[in-house]
Amino acid sequence: MMGVRFIGFIDISSDIINKLLFTTGIILLFCLTIMSKINRSYTFTRTLRLLASIVLATLLIACESMLHSQAGTPDDVQYAQHLWAALQQGRMVGKHAKKLKPFIGAARPHGWVLEIVSGMARVGDYRGFVIVKKNYQGDNLRVSDVEKDRTRFLESISVMFQREKGYDPDNKNWFWAQYQPNGKLVTRYMMGLEIAMAGRIMKGTTQDNNRGCIYCHRSAGGDDYIFYPEIIIPQANRQKP
């Protein structure tokens, strides 16, 4: 993981999958090596090597396809960059961001101290509701510490932006992104692949298979994926089912 630490369901699921894939690969290679020693004929050995290459290539392609369909696609990364620029312009992030009142959050994967701002943002021709959560982390961190030096303790910035209808109707069309303080996307290694944390994080094939942002926020009350009741999407911008 680069730039931020995660714990919770997304870690558990990805770690298990990584271990299973790694173990499967090792066992496959071990078996092929033993078999090739038993029968050293050129044709047999060449066939085994070809089989191993096909199996491993298929496994890698399948994993890459599955992960990229959830988050971190080139389109997701590009959209996240445009979103960051819009947030900078709105003074929600960056050096000129408006300072709000931090508070104790104490819920990973977010910071021990949080600072939240919400409002409308325009990306391209679309204007949608956005929630920006700044995650501050440090040993025995206090709100007063953050107020004195935000830059020192800012670990990452979590953003949820409600995109146009049809983007992800299963999950209220929220676009999720995790940024480093400098605006670059946080990346995570999953199944041997470096995935940018932007997009549908981490949408499963069914609602029961969701993980990460979607899994957690789906449990929020109000049917809007927002945990804080004081944050309300303006009536004019609420998306109808």
Protein backbone atom coordinates (compact mmCIF):
# COMPACT_ATOMS: atom_id res chain seq x y z
CA MET A 1 0.00 0.00 0.00
CA MET A 2 1.33 3.42 -0.89
CA GLY A 3 0.56 6.48 1.18
CA VAL A 4 -2.22 5.14 3.34
CA ARG A 5 -3.04 2.17 5.51
CA PHE A 6 -6.26 0.22 5.20
CA ILE A 7 -7.81 -2.35 7.48
CA GLY A 8 -11.17 -3.97 7.32
CA PHE A 9 -13.06 -6.05 4.81
CA ILE A 10 -11.13 -4.86 1.78
CA ASP A 11 -7.85 -5.91 3.37
CA ILE A 12 -9.14 -9.23 4.57
CA SER A 13 -10.62 -10.20 1.22
CA SER A 14 -7.65 -9.07 -0.86
CA ASP A 15 -5.09 -10.70 1.45
CA ILE A 16 -6.91 -14.02 1.34
CA ILE A 17 -7.20 -13.88 -2.44
CA ASN A 18 -3.54 -12.93 -2.81
CA LYS A 19 -2.45 -15.84 -0.63
CA LEU A 20 -4.67 -18.29 -2.48
CA LEU A 21 -3.38 -17.17 -5.86
CA PHE A 22 0.23 -17.26 -4.71
CA THR A 23 -0.16 -20.71 -3.16
CA THR A 24 -1.91 -22.04 -6.25
CA GLY A 25 0.87 -20.78 -8.48
CA ILE A 26 3.59 -22.29 -6.30
CA ILE A 27 1.83 -25.66 -6.14
CA LEU A 28 1.32 -25.67 -9.90
CA LEU A 29 4.96 -24.91 -10.62
CA PHE A 30 6.13 -27.47 -8.05
CA CYS A 31 3.97 -30.20 -9.56
CA LEU A 32 5.13 -29.39 -13.06
CA THR A 33 8.77 -29.46 -11.96
CA ILE A 34 8.38 -32.87 -10.31
CA MET A 35 6.53 -34.26 -13.31
CA SER A 36 9.17 -33.00 -15.71
CA LYS A 37 11.88 -34.75 -13.69
CA ILE A 38 9.95 -38.00 -13.78
CA ASN A 39 9.59 -37.86 -17.56
CA ARG A 40 12.38 -35.86 -19.19
CA SER A 41 11.36 -36.41 -22.78
CA TYR A 42 11.59 -33.22 -24.82
CA THR A 43 8.00 -33.35 -25.99
CA PHE A 44 6.62 -34.00 -22.50
CA THR A 45 8.65 -31.21 -20.91
CA ARG A 46 7.74 -28.73 -23.62
CA THR A 47 4.06 -29.62 -23.26
CA LEU A 48 4.19 -29.08 -19.50
CA ARG A 49 5.86 -25.71 -19.86
CA LEU A 50 3.31 -24.63 -22.43
CA LEU A 51 0.48 -25.75 -20.14
CA ALA A 52 1.95 -23.85 -17.20
CA SER A 53 2.30 -20.69 -19.27
CA ILE A 54 -1.29 -20.90 -20.50
CA VAL A 55 -2.69 -21.49 -17.01
CA LEU A 56 -0.72 -18.67 -15.41
CA ALA A 57 -1.46 -16.23 -18.23
CA THR A 58 -5.17 -17.03 -18.07
CA LEU A 59 -5.16 -16.55 -14.30
CA LEU A 60 -3.43 -13.19 -14.57
CA ILE A 61 -5.74 -11.94 -17.31
CA ALA A 62 -8.82 -13.03 -15.36
CA CYS A 63 -7.64 -11.29 -12.19
CA GLU A 64 -6.73 -8.10 -14.06
CA SER A 65 -10.08 -8.05 -15.86
CA MET A 66 -12.00 -8.58 -12.62
CA LEU A 67 -10.19 -5.85 -10.72
CA HIS A 68 -10.27 -3.31 -13.53
CA SER A 69 -14.00 -3.76 -13.92
CA GLN A 70 -14.42 -2.63 -10.31
CA ALA A 71 -12.04 0.28 -9.96
CA GLY A 72 -8.88 1.85 -11.23
CA THR A 73 -9.62 1.82 -14.96
CA PRO A 74 -7.96 4.48 -17.14
CA ASP A 75 -11.34 6.22 -17.33
CA ASP A 76 -11.63 6.14 -13.53
CA VAL A 77 -8.16 7.63 -13.10
CA GLN A 78 -8.82 10.37 -15.63
CA TYR A 79 -12.17 11.21 -14.07
CA ALA A 80 -10.57 11.34 -10.62
CA GLN A 81 -8.01 13.84 -11.91
CA HIS A 82 -10.76 16.09 -13.26
CA LEU A 83 -12.62 15.74 -9.97
CA TRP A 84 -9.56 16.78 -7.98
CA ALA A 85 -9.16 19.86 -10.16
CA ALA A 86 -12.80 20.76 -9.52
CA LEU A 87 -12.32 20.32 -5.77
CA GLN A 88 -9.27 22.56 -5.85
CA GLN A 89 -11.21 25.21 -7.69
CA GLY A 90 -13.94 24.98 -5.06
CA ARG A 91 -11.33 25.30 -2.28
CA MET A 92 -12.29 21.93 -0.84
CA VAL A 93 -8.76 20.51 -1.20
CA GLY A 94 -5.27 21.84 -1.84
CA LYS A 95 -3.18 24.61 -0.36
CA HIS A 96 -6.00 27.13 -0.50
CA ALA A 97 -8.69 24.88 0.95
CA LYS A 98 -11.02 26.41 3.50
CA LYS A 99 -10.24 25.34 7.05
CA LEU A 100 -13.12 23.74 8.92
CA LYS A 101 -13.45 22.35 12.42
CA PRO A 102 -11.74 18.95 12.77
CA PHE A 103 -13.24 16.27 15.01
CA ILE A 104 -12.41 12.82 16.34
CA GLY A 105 -13.45 10.16 13.83
CA ALA A 106 -11.57 7.11 15.14
CA ALA A 107 -12.86 4.73 12.46
CA ARG A 108 -10.41 3.12 10.07
CA PRO A 109 -9.78 3.14 7.19
CA HIS A 110 -10.35 6.85 7.76
CA GLY A 111 -8.29 9.04 10.02
CA TRP A 112 -8.34 9.31 13.78
CA VAL A 113 -9.15 12.98 13.28
CA LEU A 114 -11.39 14.04 10.41
CA GLU A 115 -12.36 17.21 8.61
CA ILE A 116 -15.37 17.03 6.29
CA VAL A 117 -16.73 19.40 3.69
CA SER A 118 -19.61 18.82 1.30
CA GLY A 119 -21.27 20.71 -1.51
CA MET A 120 -21.67 20.83 -5.26
CA ALA A 121 -18.85 20.31 -7.76
CA ARG A 122 -18.75 20.42 -11.53
CA VAL A 123 -16.83 17.86 -13.56
CA GLY A 124 -17.14 18.57 -17.26
CA ASP A 125 -20.77 19.32 -18.05
CA TYR A 126 -22.09 17.53 -14.97
CA ARG A 127 -22.71 19.10 -11.58
CA GLY A 128 -23.08 16.73 -8.65
CA PHE A 129 -22.97 16.48 -4.87
CA VAL A 130 -19.62 15.70 -3.31
CA ILE A 131 -18.36 14.83 0.16
CA VAL A 132 -14.68 15.33 0.98
CA LYS A 133 -13.23 13.68 4.05
CA LYS A 134 -9.71 14.62 5.13
CA ASN A 135 -8.01 11.90 7.15
CA TYR A 136 -5.49 12.97 9.78
CA GLN A 137 -3.35 10.38 11.53
CA GLY A 138 -0.64 10.43 14.19
CA ASP A 139 0.37 8.98 17.54
CA ASN A 140 -1.97 10.20 20.29
CA LEU A 141 -3.30 12.74 17.82
CA ARG A 142 -5.56 15.49 19.14
CA VAL A 143 -7.83 17.91 17.34
CA SER A 144 -5.67 20.78 18.54
CA ASP A 145 -2.61 19.16 16.92
CA VAL A 146 -4.37 19.09 13.57
CA GLU A 147 -5.52 22.69 13.91
CA LYS A 148 -1.92 23.77 14.50
CA ASP A 149 -0.41 21.82 11.59
CA ARG A 150 -2.82 20.23 9.12
CA THR A 151 -0.11 19.49 6.57
CA ARG A 152 1.93 17.42 9.00
CA PHE A 153 -0.87 15.04 9.93
CA LEU A 154 -2.89 14.84 6.72
CA GLU A 155 -2.64 11.22 5.59
CA SER A 156 -5.16 10.97 2.78
CA ILE A 157 -8.36 12.45 1.37
CA SER A 158 -11.46 10.33 0.75
CA VAL A 159 -14.00 11.60 -1.77
CA MET A 160 -17.45 10.41 -2.78
CA PHE A 161 -19.00 12.19 -5.74
CA GLN A 162 -22.49 11.41 -6.98
CA ARG A 163 -22.19 11.04 -10.71
CA GLU A 164 -24.86 11.13 -13.40
CA LYS A 165 -27.68 8.59 -13.35
CA GLY A 166 -26.65 5.30 -14.88
CA TYR A 167 -23.05 5.36 -13.65
CA ASP A 168 -23.69 2.84 -10.88
CA PRO A 169 -27.44 2.63 -10.22
CA ASP A 170 -26.93 -0.27 -7.82
CA ASN A 171 -25.10 2.06 -5.44
CA LYS A 172 -26.68 5.50 -5.92
CA ASN A 173 -24.18 6.39 -8.66
CA TRP A 174 -21.41 7.25 -6.22
CA PHE A 175 -17.88 7.60 -7.56
CA TRP A 176 -15.25 6.88 -4.91
CA ALA A 177 -11.66 8.10 -4.80
CA GLN A 178 -8.82 8.05 -2.31
CA TYR A 179 -6.16 10.72 -2.81
CA GLN A 180 -2.78 11.40 -1.33
CA PRO A 181 -2.38 14.93 0.08
CA ASN A 182 -0.68 16.03 -3.16
CA GLY A 183 -3.68 14.98 -5.25
CA LYS A 184 -2.25 11.76 -6.63
CA LEU A 185 -4.44 8.71 -6.26
CA VAL A 186 -3.67 6.20 -3.54
CA THR A 187 -2.77 2.84 -5.06
CA ARG A 188 -3.11 -0.63 -3.67
CA TYR A 189 -1.52 -3.89 -4.70
CA MET A 190 -4.14 -6.57 -5.18
CA MET A 191 -3.50 -9.95 -6.80
CA GLY A 192 -0.12 -8.69 -7.92
CA LEU A 193 -1.60 -5.66 -9.68
CA GLU A 194 -1.30 -2.01 -8.72
CA ILE A 195 -4.83 -0.61 -8.59
CA ALA A 196 -5.63 3.09 -8.34
CA MET A 197 -8.29 3.75 -5.72
CA ALA A 198 -10.89 5.42 -7.92
CA GLY A 199 -14.20 4.31 -9.33
CA ARG A 200 -16.58 1.69 -7.96
CA ILE A 201 -14.56 0.69 -4.87
CA MET A 202 -14.93 -2.28 -4.62
CA LYS A 203 -18.09 -3.38 -6.38
CA GLY A 204 -18.76 -7.11 -6.48
CA THR A 205 -20.76 -9.20 -8.88
CA THR A 206 -23.64 -9.02 -6.38
CA GLN A 207 -24.44 -6.70 -3.48
CA ASP A 208 -23.36 -9.43 -1.06
CA ASN A 209 -19.93 -9.47 -2.70
CA ASN A 210 -19.28 -5.74 -2.36
CA ARG A 211 -16.22 -4.70 -0.38
CA GLY A 212 -14.43 -1.49 0.52
CA CYS A 213 -16.22 1.84 0.25
CA ILE A 214 -19.42 0.44 -1.24
CA TYR A 215 -19.72 -2.33 1.34
CA CYS A 216 -19.29 0.04 4.26
CA HIS A 217 -21.39 2.99 3.08
CA ARG A 218 -24.25 0.79 1.95
CA SER A 219 -24.94 0.19 5.65
CA ALA A 220 -25.46 3.91 6.31
CA GLY A 221 -29.00 4.95 7.12
CA GLY A 222 -31.09 7.22 4.96
CA ASP A 223 -30.66 5.25 1.74
CA ASP A 224 -28.04 7.70 0.49
CA TYR A 225 -24.75 6.03 1.57
CA ILE A 226 -23.99 9.01 3.83
CA PHE A 227 -23.16 8.33 7.49
CA TYR A 228 -23.57 11.87 8.76
CA PRO A 229 -27.23 12.97 9.09
CA GLU A 230 -26.23 16.63 9.02
CA ILE A 231 -24.94 16.17 5.46
CA ILE A 232 -27.97 16.43 3.20
CA ILE A 233 -28.05 16.41 -0.58
CA PRO A 234 -29.97 19.50 -1.76
CA GLN A 235 -33.51 18.64 -2.77
CA ALA A 236 -32.96 19.95 -6.30
CA ASN A 237 -29.99 17.61 -6.76
CA ARG A 238 -31.42 14.44 -5.27
CA GLN A 239 -31.53 11.65 -7.79
CA LYS A 240 -34.85 9.91 -8.13
CA PRO A 241 -34.83 6.09 -8.24
